[in-house]
C-alpha atoms as a PDB file:
ATOM      1  CA  MET A   1      47.460 102.401 -32.532  1.00  0.00           C
ATOM      2  CA  PHE A   2      48.545  99.351 -31.206  1.00  0.00           C
ATOM      3  CA  MET A   3      47.875  98.465 -27.703  1.00  0.00           C
ATOM      4  CA  ASP A   4      50.369  97.267 -25.371  1.00  0.00           C
ATOM      5  CA  PRO A   5      50.221  93.463 -25.068  1.00  0.00           C
ATOM      6  CA  MET A   6      50.026  93.889 -21.360  1.00  0.00           C
ATOM      7  CA  ILE A   7      46.706  95.562 -21.747  1.00  0.00           C
ATOM      8  CA  TYR A   8      45.486  92.606 -23.770  1.00  0.00           C
ATOM      9  CA  ILE A   9      46.583  90.296 -21.061  1.00  0.00           C
ATOM     10  CA  ILE A  10      44.841  92.398 -18.428  1.00  0.00           C
ATOM     11  CA  ILE A  11      41.691  92.613 -20.539  1.00  0.00           C
ATOM     12  CA  ALA A  12      41.848  88.884 -21.133  1.00  0.00           C
ATOM     13  CA  LEU A  13      42.331  88.297 -17.420  1.00  0.00           C
ATOM     14  CA  VAL A  14      39.463  90.625 -16.520  1.00  0.00           C
ATOM     15  CA  ALA A  15      37.228  89.054 -19.182  1.00  0.00           C
ATOM     16  CA  GLY A  16      38.278  85.576 -18.028  1.00  0.00           C
ATOM     17  CA  ALA A  17      37.674  86.580 -14.450  1.00  0.00           C
ATOM     18  CA  ALA A  18      34.285  88.025 -15.384  1.00  0.00           C
ATOM     19  CA  ILE A  19      33.357  84.724 -16.975  1.00  0.00           C
ATOM     20  CA  ALA A  20      35.121  82.513 -14.414  1.00  0.00           C
ATOM     21  CA  VAL A  21      33.707  84.169 -11.275  1.00  0.00           C
ATOM     22  CA  PRO A  22      30.021  83.588 -12.195  1.00  0.00           C
ATOM     23  CA  ILE A  23      30.891  80.038 -13.284  1.00  0.00           C
ATOM     24  CA  ALA A  24      32.823  79.477 -10.058  1.00  0.00           C
ATOM     25  CA  LEU A  25      29.955  80.952  -8.041  1.00  0.00           C
ATOM     26  CA  TYR A  26      27.492  78.756  -9.908  1.00  0.00           C
ATOM     27  CA  LEU A  27      29.628  75.643  -9.385  1.00  0.00           C
ATOM     28  CA  ASN A  28      30.148  76.588  -5.761  1.00  0.00           C
ATOM     29  CA  LYS A  29      26.396  77.033  -5.351  1.00  0.00           C
ATOM     30  CA  GLN A  30      25.809  73.630  -6.967  1.00  0.00           C
ATOM     31  CA  LYS A  31      28.353  72.087  -4.603  1.00  0.00           C
ATOM     32  CA  MET A  32      26.608  73.768  -1.670  1.00  0.00           C
ATOM     33  CA  VAL A  33      23.211  72.459  -2.816  1.00  0.00           C
ATOM     34  CA  GLN A  34      24.690  69.007  -3.327  1.00  0.00           C
ATOM     35  CA  ALA A  35      26.440  69.190   0.067  1.00  0.00           C
ATOM     36  CA  GLN A  36      23.193  70.286   1.717  1.00  0.00           C
ATOM     37  CA  SER A  37      21.326  67.473  -0.037  1.00  0.00           C
ATOM     38  CA  THR A  38      23.990  64.975   1.033  1.00  0.00           C
ATOM     39  CA  ALA A  39      23.934  66.372   4.566  1.00  0.00           C
ATOM     40  CA  GLN A  40      20.125  66.121   4.582  1.00  0.00           C
ATOM     41  CA  GLN A  41      20.306  62.517   3.353  1.00  0.00           C
ATOM     42  CA  ILE A  42      22.960  61.703   5.952  1.00  0.00           C
ATOM     43  CA  LEU A  43      20.831  63.364   8.646  1.00  0.00           C
ATOM     44  CA  GLN A  44      17.706  61.478   7.532  1.00  0.00           C
ATOM     45  CA  SER A  45      19.658  58.239   7.368  1.00  0.00           C
ATOM     46  CA  ALA A  46      21.127  58.918  10.808  1.00  0.00           C
ATOM     47  CA  GLU A  47      17.655  59.710  12.168  1.00  0.00           C
ATOM     48  CA  LYS A  48      16.296  56.482  10.663  1.00  0.00           C
ATOM     49  CA  GLU A  49      19.192  54.505  12.104  1.00  0.00           C
ATOM     50  CA  ALA A  50      18.721  56.262  15.443  1.00  0.00           C
ATOM     51  CA  ASP A  51      14.986  55.462  15.384  1.00  0.00           C
ATOM     52  CA  ALA A  52      15.688  51.857  14.412  1.00  0.00           C
ATOM     53  CA  LEU A  53      18.357  51.597  17.118  1.00  0.00           C
ATOM     54  CA  LYS A  54      16.006  53.244  19.602  1.00  0.00           C
ATOM     55  CA  ARG A  55      13.231  50.787  18.717  1.00  0.00           C
ATOM     56  CA  GLU A  56      15.696  47.897  18.915  1.00  0.00           C
ATOM     57  CA  LYS A  57      16.957  49.074  22.314  1.00  0.00           C
ATOM     58  CA  LEU A  58      13.368  49.556  23.504  1.00  0.00           C
ATOM     59  CA  VAL A  59      12.511  46.014  22.397  1.00  0.00           C
ATOM     60  CA  GLU A  60      15.668  44.708  24.084  1.00  0.00           C
ATOM     61  CA  ALA A  61      14.835  46.690  27.228  1.00  0.00           C
ATOM     62  CA  LYS A  62      11.258  45.365  27.188  1.00  0.00           C
ATOM     63  CA  ASP A  63      12.528  41.808  26.667  1.00  0.00           C
ATOM     64  CA  ALA A  64      15.076  42.212  29.464  1.00  0.00           C
ATOM     65  CA  SER A  65      12.434  43.748  31.728  1.00  0.00           C
ATOM     66  CA  LEU A  66      10.001  40.935  30.916  1.00  0.00           C
ATOM     67  CA  GLN A  67      12.719  38.354  31.592  1.00  0.00           C
ATOM     68  CA  ILE A  68      13.539  39.990  34.939  1.00  0.00           C
ATOM     69  CA  ILE A  69       9.842  40.034  35.875  1.00  0.00           C
ATOM     70  CA  GLN A  70       9.413  36.385  34.841  1.00  0.00           C
ATOM     71  CA  ASN A  71      12.524  35.369  36.799  1.00  0.00           C
ATOM     72  CA  ALA A  72      11.322  37.323  39.843  1.00  0.00           C
ATOM     73  CA  GLU A  73       7.866  35.727  39.598  1.00  0.00           C
ATOM     74  CA  LYS A  74       9.395  32.243  39.281  1.00  0.00           C
ATOM     75  CA  GLU A  75      11.705  32.894  42.229  1.00  0.00           C
ATOM     76  CA  SER A  76       8.742  34.217  44.221  1.00  0.00           C
ATOM     77  CA  ARG A  77       6.673  31.119  43.365  1.00  0.00           C
ATOM     78  CA  ASP A  78       9.583  28.848  44.305  1.00  0.00           C
ATOM     79  CA  LYS A  79      10.079  30.652  47.618  1.00  0.00           C
ATOM     80  CA  LEU A  80       6.347  30.572  48.325  1.00  0.00           C
ATOM     81  CA  ARG A  81       6.299  26.835  47.593  1.00  0.00           C
ATOM     82  CA  ASP A  82       9.284  26.343  49.926  1.00  0.00           C
ATOM     83  CA  VAL A  83       7.614  28.418  52.652  1.00  0.00           C
ATOM     84  CA  ARG A  84       4.403  26.403  52.315  1.00  0.00           C
ATOM     85  CA  GLU A  85       6.396  23.167  52.491  1.00  0.00           C
ATOM     86  CA  VAL A  86       8.127  24.399  55.654  1.00  0.00           C
ATOM     87  CA  GLU A  87       4.734  25.403  57.097  1.00  0.00           C
ATOM     88  CA  ARG A  88       3.313  21.942  56.319  1.00  0.00           C
ATOM     89  CA  ASN A  89       6.328  20.284  57.939  1.00  0.00           C
ATOM     90  CA  LEU A  90       6.006  22.525  60.998  1.00  0.00           C
ATOM     91  CA  GLN A  91       2.282  21.783  61.272  1.00  0.00           C
ATOM     92  CA  THR A  92       2.972  18.050  61.001  1.00  0.00           C
ATOM     93  CA  ARG A  93       5.686  18.258  63.661  1.00  0.00           C
ATOM     94  CA  GLU A  94       3.454  20.392  65.876  1.00  0.00           C
ATOM     95  CA  LEU A  95       0.611  17.879  65.537  1.00  0.00           C
ATOM     96  CA  LYS A  96       2.951  14.979  66.341  1.00  0.00           C
ATOM     97  CA  LEU A  97       4.312  16.887  69.328  1.00  0.00           C
ATOM     98  CA  GLU A  98       0.778  17.661  70.550  1.00  0.00           C
ATOM     99  CA  ASN A  99      -0.131  13.968  70.187  1.00  0.00           C
ATOM    100  CA  LYS A 100       2.985  12.960  72.127  1.00  0.00           C
ATOM    101  CA  LEU A 101       2.223  15.537  74.818  1.00  0.00           C
ATOM    102  CA  ASP A 102      -1.387  14.287  75.037  1.00  0.00           C
ATOM    103  CA  LEU A 103      -0.140  10.711  75.305  1.00  0.00           C
ATOM    104  CA  LEU A 104       2.389  11.685  77.977  1.00  0.00           C
ATOM    105  CA  ASP A 105      -0.305  13.627  79.818  1.00  0.00           C
ATOM    106  CA  ARG A 106      -2.632  10.609  79.752  1.00  0.00           C
ATOM    107  CA  LYS A 107       0.199   8.344  80.899  1.00  0.00           C
ATOM    108  CA  GLY A 108       1.038  10.834  83.637  1.00  0.00           C
ATOM    109  CA  GLN A 109      -2.599  10.861  84.775  1.00  0.00           C
ATOM    110  CA  ASP A 110      -2.685   7.046  84.665  1.00  0.00           C
ATOM    111  CA  LEU A 111       0.515   6.931  86.697  1.00  0.00           C
ATOM    112  CA  GLU A 112      -0.891   9.385  89.233  1.00  0.00           C
ATOM    113  CA  ARG A 113      -4.072   7.304  89.575  1.00  0.00           C
ATOM    114  CA  THR A 114      -1.997   4.134  89.910  1.00  0.00           C
ATOM    115  CA  GLU A 115       0.236   5.828  92.463  1.00  0.00           C
ATOM    116  CA  GLN A 116      -2.801   6.990  94.455  1.00  0.00           C
ATOM    117  CA  LYS A 117      -4.257   3.468  94.309  1.00  0.00           C
ATOM    118  CA  LEU A 118      -0.937   2.015  95.443  1.00  0.00           C
ATOM    119  CA  VAL A 119      -0.793   4.454  98.357  1.00  0.00           C
ATOM    120  CA  SER A 120      -4.380   3.563  99.267  1.00  0.00           C
ATOM    121  CA  ASP A 121      -3.662  -0.178  98.914  1.00  0.00           C
ATOM    122  CA  ARG A 122      -0.531   0.266 101.007  1.00  0.00           C
ATOM    123  CA  LYS A 123      -2.549   1.886 103.789  1.00  0.00           C
ATOM    124  CA  VAL A 124      -5.074  -0.973 103.688  1.00  0.00           C
ATOM    125  CA  LEU A 125      -2.270  -3.532 103.646  1.00  0.00           C
ATOM    126  CA  ASP A 126      -0.472  -1.813 106.519  1.00  0.00           C
ATOM    127  CA  ALA A 127      -3.721  -1.778 108.520  1.00  0.00           C
ATOM    128  CA  LYS A 128      -4.323  -5.473 107.785  1.00  0.00           C
ATOM    129  CA  LYS A 129      -0.718  -6.292 108.635  1.00  0.00           C
ATOM    130  CA  ALA A 130      -0.995  -4.442 111.957  1.00  0.00           C
ATOM    131  CA  GLN A 131      -4.271  -6.226 112.668  1.00  0.00           C
ATOM    132  CA  TYR A 132      -2.756  -9.588 111.730  1.00  0.00           C
ATOM    133  CA  GLU A 133       0.315  -8.982 113.864  1.00  0.00           C
ATOM    134  CA  LYS A 134      -1.956  -8.139 116.784  1.00  0.00           C
ATOM    135  CA  VAL A 135      -3.985 -11.310 116.236  1.00  0.00           C
ATOM    136  CA  LEU A 136      -0.790 -13.326 115.792  1.00  0.00           C
ATOM    137  CA  GLU A 137       0.631 -11.963 119.022  1.00  0.00           C
ATOM    138  CA  GLU A 138      -2.616 -12.855 120.772  1.00  0.00           C
ATOM    139  CA  GLU A 139      -2.565 -16.365 119.283  1.00  0.00           C
ATOM    140  CA  ASN A 140       1.048 -16.910 120.272  1.00  0.00           C
ATOM    141  CA  ARG A 141       0.304 -15.657 123.792  1.00  0.00           C
ATOM    142  CA  LYS A 142      -2.633 -18.039 124.026  1.00  0.00           C
ATOM    143  CA  LEU A 143      -0.438 -20.874 122.793  1.00  0.00           C
ATOM    144  CA  GLU A 144       2.113 -20.098 125.427  1.00  0.00           C
ATOM    145  CA  GLU A 145      -0.622 -20.083 128.090  1.00  0.00           C
ATOM    146  CA  ILE A 146      -2.060 -23.352 126.976  1.00  0.00           C
ATOM    147  CA  ALA A 147       0.456 -25.912 128.065  1.00  0.00           C
ATOM    148  CA  GLY A 148      -1.898 -28.796 127.799  1.00  0.00           C
ATOM    149  CA  MET A 149      -2.213 -28.441 124.027  1.00  0.00           C
ATOM    150  CA  SER A 150      -1.008 -31.407 122.045  1.00  0.00           C
ATOM    151  CA  SER A 151       2.258 -30.807 120.239  1.00  0.00           C
ATOM    152  CA  GLU A 152       0.580 -31.689 116.970  1.00  0.00           C
ATOM    153  CA  ASN A 153      -2.034 -28.962 117.465  1.00  0.00           C
ATOM    154  CA  ALA A 154       0.608 -26.472 118.541  1.00  0.00           C
ATOM    155  CA  LYS A 155       2.710 -27.287 115.478  1.00  0.00           C
ATOM    156  CA  GLN A 156      -0.336 -26.976 113.224  1.00  0.00           C
ATOM    157  CA  ILE A 157      -1.313 -23.574 114.634  1.00  0.00           C
ATOM    158  CA  LEU A 158       2.305 -22.401 114.550  1.00  0.00           C
ATOM    159  CA  MET A 159       2.639 -23.575 110.934  1.00  0.00           C
ATOM    160  CA  GLU A 160      -0.553 -21.750 109.891  1.00  0.00           C
ATOM    161  CA  ASN A 161       0.621 -18.613 111.645  1.00  0.00           C
ATOM    162  CA  MET A 162       4.020 -18.808 109.926  1.00  0.00           C
ATOM    163  CA  ILE A 163       2.407 -19.380 106.517  1.00  0.00           C
ATOM    164  CA  GLU A 164       0.046 -16.434 107.051  1.00  0.00           C
ATOM    165  CA  SER A 165       2.978 -14.290 108.189  1.00  0.00           C
ATOM    166  CA  ALA A 166       4.984 -15.310 105.106  1.00  0.00           C
ATOM    167  CA  ARG A 167       1.979 -14.498 102.886  1.00  0.00           C
ATOM    168  CA  MET A 168       1.617 -11.085 104.453  1.00  0.00           C
ATOM    169  CA  ASP A 169       5.351 -10.410 104.061  1.00  0.00           C
ATOM    170  CA  ALA A 170       5.266 -11.555 100.411  1.00  0.00           C
ATOM    171  CA  ALA A 171       2.200  -9.413  99.671  1.00  0.00           C
ATOM    172  CA  SER A 172       3.861  -6.452 101.360  1.00  0.00           C
ATOM    173  CA  LYS A 173       7.064  -7.001  99.378  1.00  0.00           C
ATOM    174  CA  ALA A 174       5.132  -7.333  96.077  1.00  0.00           C
ATOM    175  CA  LYS A 175       3.221  -4.159  96.898  1.00  0.00           C
ATOM    176  CA  GLN A 176       6.484  -2.354  97.640  1.00  0.00           C
ATOM    177  CA  ILE A 177       8.008  -3.535  94.335  1.00  0.00           C
ATOM    178  CA  ARG A 178       4.904  -2.348  92.415  1.00  0.00           C
ATOM    179  CA  GLU A 179       5.003   1.030  94.135  1.00  0.00           C
ATOM    180  CA  GLU A 180       8.675   1.471  93.329  1.00  0.00           C
ATOM    181  CA  ALA A 181       8.055   0.507  89.688  1.00  0.00           C
ATOM    182  CA  VAL A 182       5.212   3.024  89.388  1.00  0.00           C
ATOM    183  CA  LEU A 183       7.235   5.764  91.076  1.00  0.00           C
ATOM    184  CA  ASN A 184      10.194   5.094  88.764  1.00  0.00           C
ATOM    185  CA  ALA A 185       7.904   5.076  85.717  1.00  0.00           C
ATOM    186  CA  ASN A 186       6.339   8.337  86.908  1.00  0.00           C
ATOM    187  CA  LYS A 187       9.773   9.917  87.314  1.00  0.00           C
ATOM    188  CA  ASP A 188      10.808   8.714  83.841  1.00  0.00           C
ATOM    189  CA  ALA A 189       7.606  10.097  82.318  1.00  0.00           C
ATOM    190  CA  LYS A 190       8.165  13.468  84.009  1.00  0.00           C
ATOM    191  CA  LYS A 191      11.722  13.543  82.659  1.00  0.00           C
ATOM    192  CA  ILE A 192      10.397  12.942  79.139  1.00  0.00           C
ATOM    193  CA  VAL A 193       7.813  15.722  79.503  1.00  0.00           C
END
């Protein structure tokens, strides 16, 4: 009873398969365990790297945020300093302007007082001039009436009258020049104000 060699081959194949399948399953299981272990290690490594990267990015973000805050604070301080400088300059200019306005106001008041005094003096001078002219006319009329007056006396009286008239005219002219100067100064001061 010899068996057909084909049967031996089939038996050998079945026996080989029976041995090979559990070995293959075992090896496959080992590969799966190893793959899972490797995957777990890779996952842990990736998580560590992600945590490290996250911490690094957080530190970078904090540093960047701190830098932005510091820059903003510096810029704010600089602007505040500039604003205070501008305020000081404006206060100084305002004070100078107020002083100039006070000075101009005082000068204007002085000019008004001077102008009022000049007007008053002018009235007095005009009254004196009118009085003098009246007296002079009376004197001249008397001189004309008195024919028996010596020529020397007549010349002397005439000379005194002419000198007095010239004095009055000079005083009047000086007064007029002063008034014009004050009025012009007053106008100039008002233009400045």
